[in-house]
Protein backbone atom coordinates (compact mmCIF):
# COMPACT_ATOMS: atom_id res chain seq x y z
CA UNK A 1 184.40 42.49 134.92
CA UNK A 2 184.46 38.71 134.69
CA UNK A 3 187.44 36.38 134.55
CA UNK A 4 187.20 33.05 132.76
CA UNK A 5 189.44 30.00 133.05
CA UNK A 6 189.39 26.99 130.77
CA UNK A 7 188.34 23.71 132.33
CA UNK A 8 188.21 21.62 129.17
CA UNK A 9 187.85 21.95 125.42
CA UNK A 10 186.98 18.90 123.36
CA UNK A 11 185.55 18.43 119.88
CA UNK A 12 182.10 18.56 121.47
CA UNK A 13 182.24 21.13 124.30
CA UNK A 14 184.13 24.13 125.62
CA UNK A 15 183.71 24.45 129.40
CA UNK A 16 184.96 27.41 131.46
CA UNK A 17 184.75 28.62 135.03
CA UNK A 18 183.69 32.24 135.40
CA UNK A 19 184.63 34.55 138.29
CA UNK A 20 182.51 37.73 138.61
CA UNK A 21 184.40 40.84 139.73
CA UNK A 22 187.15 39.79 142.15
CA UNK A 23 185.23 36.84 143.55
CA UNK A 24 186.97 33.64 144.55
CA UNK A 25 183.69 31.83 143.89
CA UNK A 26 183.18 30.47 140.41
CA UNK A 27 180.34 29.39 138.20
CA UNK A 28 180.57 27.18 135.12
CA UNK A 29 179.43 27.86 131.56
CA UNK A 30 179.67 25.58 128.54
CA UNK A 31 179.31 25.89 124.79
CA UNK A 32 178.29 22.94 122.62
CA UNK A 33 180.77 23.21 119.77
CA UNK A 34 178.55 21.27 117.34
CA UNK A 35 175.29 23.16 117.80
CA UNK A 36 176.41 26.48 119.30
CA UNK A 37 174.01 25.98 122.21
CA UNK A 38 175.21 27.16 125.58
CA UNK A 39 174.52 26.00 129.11
CA UNK A 40 175.00 27.38 132.59
CA UNK A 41 176.17 24.37 134.57
CA UNK A 42 176.76 26.23 137.82
CA UNK A 43 175.20 29.63 138.48
CA UNK A 44 176.29 32.10 141.13
CA UNK A 45 172.92 33.35 142.30
CA UNK A 46 174.33 36.39 144.11
CA UNK A 47 175.57 37.85 140.79
CA UNK A 48 173.51 39.00 137.82
CA UNK A 49 173.26 37.25 134.47
CA UNK A 50 175.40 39.83 132.67
CA UNK A 51 178.53 38.00 133.88
CA UNK A 52 177.25 34.79 132.33
CA UNK A 53 176.34 36.58 129.09
CA UNK A 54 179.76 38.16 128.73
CA UNK A 55 181.53 34.87 129.47
CA UNK A 56 179.43 32.97 126.93
CA UNK A 57 179.89 35.66 124.29
CA UNK A 58 183.66 35.26 124.68
CA UNK A 59 183.34 31.48 124.27
CA UNK A 60 181.45 32.10 121.03
CA UNK A 61 184.31 34.35 119.86
CA UNK A 62 186.83 31.63 120.73
CA UNK A 63 184.76 29.13 118.74
CA UNK A 64 184.71 31.42 115.68
CA UNK A 65 188.47 31.96 115.64
CA UNK A 66 189.33 28.41 116.75
CA UNK A 67 191.56 29.53 119.62
CA UNK A 68 190.43 28.83 123.18
CA UNK A 69 192.53 30.79 125.64
CA UNK A 70 193.49 29.29 128.96
CA UNK A 71 192.40 32.46 130.80
CA UNK A 72 190.80 35.75 129.82
CA UNK A 73 189.29 38.87 131.37
CA UNK A 74 186.22 40.61 130.00
CA UNK A 75 185.56 44.18 131.15
CA UNK A 76 182.67 46.45 130.22
CA UNK A 77 181.10 49.67 131.41
């Protein structure tokens, strides 16, 4: 499970904090809204990359439907 919280959404970038599991620590991921390229701006080394992947996939979904939620939770098994 990963929680995401919106930091900013502009015409150029969507930037979110991500919180793996129930962690109080957060990393930061961003999606370039013009090119679709993504970036990990702050990585939490103690957690695997699957949290980053799920967070970025959700940002891509937000981009497709044009609605960027303030907060969201992504769970998988």
